[in-house]
Every structure is written in structure tokens, then in C-alpha cells.
N, C-alpha and C. Protein backbone atom coordinates (compact mmCIF):
# COMPACT_ATOMS: atom_id res chain seq x y z
N MET A 1 76.50 166.92 134.18
CA MET A 1 77.12 165.69 133.65
C MET A 1 76.59 165.44 132.24
N PRO A 2 77.44 165.16 131.30
CA PRO A 2 77.02 164.99 129.92
C PRO A 2 76.20 163.60 129.75
N ALA A 3 75.29 163.64 128.87
CA ALA A 3 74.53 162.42 128.65
C ALA A 3 75.38 161.33 127.98
N PRO A 4 75.13 160.14 128.33
CA PRO A 4 75.95 159.02 127.74
C PRO A 4 75.63 158.96 126.27
N PRO A 5 76.59 158.48 125.47
CA PRO A 5 76.34 158.36 124.04
C PRO A 5 75.30 157.30 123.80
N THR A 6 74.47 157.57 122.78
CA THR A 6 73.47 156.57 122.42
C THR A 6 73.95 155.72 121.29
N PHE A 7 73.57 154.45 121.32
CA PHE A 7 73.96 153.54 120.27
C PHE A 7 72.82 153.29 119.35
N GLU A 8 73.01 153.53 118.10
CA GLU A 8 72.00 153.29 117.13
C GLU A 8 71.89 151.78 116.76
N GLN A 9 70.70 151.31 116.81
CA GLN A 9 70.49 149.86 116.56
C GLN A 9 70.96 149.53 115.16
N LEU A 10 71.63 148.38 115.05
CA LEU A 10 72.03 147.84 113.76
C LEU A 10 70.91 146.93 113.24
N VAL A 11 70.66 146.97 111.93
CA VAL A 11 69.68 146.08 111.34
C VAL A 11 70.35 145.04 110.48
N SER A 12 69.67 143.95 110.21
CA SER A 12 70.16 142.92 109.36
C SER A 12 70.07 143.30 107.91
N ALA A 13 70.66 142.53 107.02
CA ALA A 13 70.62 142.74 105.59
C ALA A 13 69.14 142.61 105.11
N GLU A 14 68.46 141.71 105.69
CA GLU A 14 67.04 141.55 105.25
C GLU A 14 66.27 142.73 105.60
N GLU A 15 66.39 143.27 106.85
CA GLU A 15 65.67 144.44 107.28
C GLU A 15 66.09 145.64 106.50
N ALA A 16 67.35 145.82 106.21
CA ALA A 16 67.83 146.97 105.46
C ALA A 16 67.28 146.92 103.99
N ALA A 17 67.22 145.72 103.39
CA ALA A 17 66.71 145.57 102.02
C ALA A 17 65.26 145.96 101.98
N VAL A 18 64.41 145.55 102.98
CA VAL A 18 63.05 145.92 103.05
C VAL A 18 62.92 147.45 103.19
N TYR A 19 63.79 148.07 104.05
CA TYR A 19 63.77 149.48 104.25
C TYR A 19 64.07 150.24 102.91
N LEU A 20 65.02 149.79 102.16
CA LEU A 20 65.48 150.43 100.94
C LEU A 20 64.62 149.98 99.72
N ARG A 21 63.77 148.92 99.95
CA ARG A 21 62.96 148.40 98.90
C ARG A 21 63.80 147.87 97.72
N ILE A 22 64.86 147.12 98.04
CA ILE A 22 65.65 146.46 97.04
C ILE A 22 65.81 145.01 97.46
N HIS A 23 66.18 144.18 96.52
CA HIS A 23 66.41 142.76 96.84
C HIS A 23 67.59 142.60 97.78
N VAL A 24 67.47 141.64 98.74
CA VAL A 24 68.53 141.45 99.68
C VAL A 24 69.88 141.05 99.00
N LYS A 25 69.81 140.32 97.86
CA LYS A 25 71.05 139.99 97.14
C LYS A 25 71.72 141.23 96.59
N THR A 26 70.93 142.20 96.12
CA THR A 26 71.48 143.45 95.62
C THR A 26 72.12 144.20 96.79
N LEU A 27 71.48 144.27 97.91
CA LEU A 27 72.03 144.95 99.08
C LEU A 27 73.36 144.33 99.49
N ARG A 28 73.41 143.01 99.55
CA ARG A 28 74.70 142.35 99.96
C ARG A 28 75.79 142.60 98.92
N ARG A 29 75.45 142.62 97.66
CA ARG A 29 76.46 142.87 96.60
C ARG A 29 76.99 144.27 96.78
N PHE A 30 76.09 145.26 96.98
CA PHE A 30 76.53 146.65 97.20
C PHE A 30 77.48 146.71 98.45
N ALA A 31 77.12 146.06 99.52
CA ALA A 31 77.91 146.03 100.72
C ALA A 31 79.28 145.39 100.45
N ARG A 32 79.27 144.26 99.78
CA ARG A 32 80.53 143.58 99.47
C ARG A 32 81.42 144.42 98.59
N GLU A 33 80.88 145.14 97.67
CA GLU A 33 81.64 146.00 96.76
C GLU A 33 82.06 147.33 97.37
N GLY A 34 81.58 147.60 98.60
CA GLY A 34 81.91 148.80 99.29
C GLY A 34 81.08 150.03 98.82
N ARG A 35 80.01 149.76 98.15
CA ARG A 35 79.17 150.86 97.66
C ARG A 35 78.11 151.30 98.60
N LEU A 36 78.00 150.65 99.76
CA LEU A 36 76.99 150.88 100.70
C LEU A 36 77.62 150.88 102.14
N PRO A 37 77.26 151.84 103.00
CA PRO A 37 77.81 151.85 104.36
C PRO A 37 77.36 150.69 105.14
N CYS A 38 78.23 149.91 105.78
CA CYS A 38 77.84 148.77 106.56
C CYS A 38 78.95 148.42 107.54
N ALA A 39 78.61 147.52 108.44
CA ALA A 39 79.56 146.91 109.35
C ALA A 39 79.53 145.45 109.13
N ARG A 40 80.68 144.81 109.02
CA ARG A 40 80.72 143.40 108.89
C ARG A 40 81.07 142.78 110.21
N ILE A 41 80.16 141.99 110.73
CA ILE A 41 80.33 141.32 112.03
C ILE A 41 80.32 139.78 111.71
N GLY A 42 81.50 139.25 111.77
CA GLY A 42 81.67 137.84 111.35
C GLY A 42 81.35 137.70 109.88
N LYS A 43 80.38 136.84 109.55
CA LYS A 43 80.03 136.73 108.14
C LYS A 43 78.74 137.49 107.78
N TYR A 44 78.29 138.32 108.72
CA TYR A 44 77.03 139.03 108.47
C TYR A 44 77.30 140.51 108.29
N TYR A 45 76.50 141.14 107.44
CA TYR A 45 76.47 142.59 107.25
C TYR A 45 75.41 143.18 108.15
N ARG A 46 75.74 144.29 108.80
CA ARG A 46 74.79 145.01 109.60
C ARG A 46 74.79 146.48 109.17
N PHE A 47 73.65 147.13 109.30
CA PHE A 47 73.45 148.44 108.71
C PHE A 47 72.79 149.38 109.75
N ARG A 48 73.12 150.66 109.70
CA ARG A 48 72.48 151.69 110.48
C ARG A 48 71.50 152.39 109.52
N LEU A 49 70.27 152.54 109.93
CA LEU A 49 69.29 153.20 109.03
C LEU A 49 69.63 154.62 108.76
N SER A 50 70.23 155.37 109.69
CA SER A 50 70.60 156.73 109.36
C SER A 50 71.69 156.81 108.33
N GLU A 51 72.61 155.91 108.30
CA GLU A 51 73.63 155.86 107.23
C GLU A 51 73.03 155.50 105.92
N LEU A 52 72.04 154.61 105.94
CA LEU A 52 71.41 154.27 104.67
C LEU A 52 70.65 155.45 104.14
N ASP A 53 69.98 156.21 105.01
CA ASP A 53 69.25 157.44 104.58
C ASP A 53 70.21 158.42 103.95
N HIS A 54 71.38 158.59 104.56
CA HIS A 54 72.35 159.51 104.00
C HIS A 54 72.84 159.04 102.69
N TRP A 55 73.08 157.69 102.55
CA TRP A 55 73.59 157.11 101.30
C TRP A 55 72.53 157.33 100.17
N VAL A 56 71.28 157.14 100.52
CA VAL A 56 70.18 157.36 99.52
C VAL A 56 70.18 158.77 99.05
N GLY A 57 70.33 159.68 99.97
CA GLY A 57 70.38 161.13 99.64
C GLY A 57 71.55 161.45 98.66
N GLN A 58 72.70 160.83 98.91
CA GLN A 58 73.87 161.05 98.03
C GLN A 58 73.60 160.45 96.69
N GLN A 59 73.01 159.30 96.58
CA GLN A 59 72.71 158.63 95.36
C GLN A 59 71.71 159.51 94.57
N HIS A 60 70.68 160.02 95.24
CA HIS A 60 69.69 160.82 94.59
C HIS A 60 70.28 162.08 94.03
N ASN A 61 71.22 162.69 94.75
CA ASN A 61 71.83 163.92 94.27
C ASN A 61 72.76 163.71 93.07
N GLU A 62 73.44 162.53 93.03
CA GLU A 62 74.29 162.21 91.90
C GLU A 62 73.45 161.93 90.70
N ILE A 63 72.32 161.22 90.84
CA ILE A 63 71.50 160.87 89.71
C ILE A 63 70.75 162.06 89.16
N SER A 64 70.23 162.91 90.08
CA SER A 64 69.40 163.98 89.62
C SER A 64 70.18 165.29 89.32
N ARG A 65 71.49 165.26 89.44
CA ARG A 65 72.32 166.38 89.15
C ARG A 65 72.14 166.84 87.70
N PRO A 66 71.77 168.08 87.50
CA PRO A 66 71.56 168.54 86.07
C PRO A 66 72.92 168.58 85.30
N PHE A 67 72.82 168.40 84.06
CA PHE A 67 73.98 168.44 83.22
C PHE A 67 73.77 169.40 82.07
N CYS A 68 74.80 169.86 81.45
CA CYS A 68 74.76 170.80 80.43
C CYS A 68 75.22 170.17 79.08
N VAL A 69 74.45 170.37 78.12
CA VAL A 69 74.82 169.83 76.79
C VAL A 69 75.49 170.96 75.97
N GLU A 70 76.69 170.71 75.53
CA GLU A 70 77.41 171.72 74.78
C GLU A 70 76.83 171.79 73.36
N THR A 71 76.56 173.00 72.91
CA THR A 71 76.09 173.20 71.57
C THR A 71 77.23 173.79 70.74
N GLY A 72 77.17 173.61 69.44
CA GLY A 72 78.26 174.04 68.61
C GLY A 72 78.17 175.57 68.29
N ASP A 73 77.32 176.29 68.96
CA ASP A 73 77.13 177.68 68.69
C ASP A 73 78.25 178.54 69.33
């Protein structure tokens, strides 16, 4: 018999902000703008830590991606 699916705990905006080490207002703004994965339950934003980890990895890759400077040679 297959194992029942597990449900990952959702954390509050305050807990997610502490986890990401950013201000809670910044976190809420990112969520409101759709820049951060979240679930809106009523008037509250809830977050999965695994999705935040994935989001941070994507942000890091975009920021640290090397670029090439064209020279006139």
C-alpha cells in the first residue's frame, strides 16, 4: 500500500522573514508582487520553507550568473 502524502507545514510571514533574514515588510511586498512563492489564506500569507529554499537558489543563480563584456577587438 502506498504511503499517504505528507503535508509540509506552512509558516507565517514573520517566521519566513526570520528564516530568510529579511524584514517582514519586504517579504510581504515580495509576496504581494508575486515575486515570492506563497499561499494566501484569507488576508494572511503562508509559506513553505522548501519553496523559499528553491526561490533563494534561483535568485542566487540569477545574481551570480557570469556575464561577458564585449570588447571592440
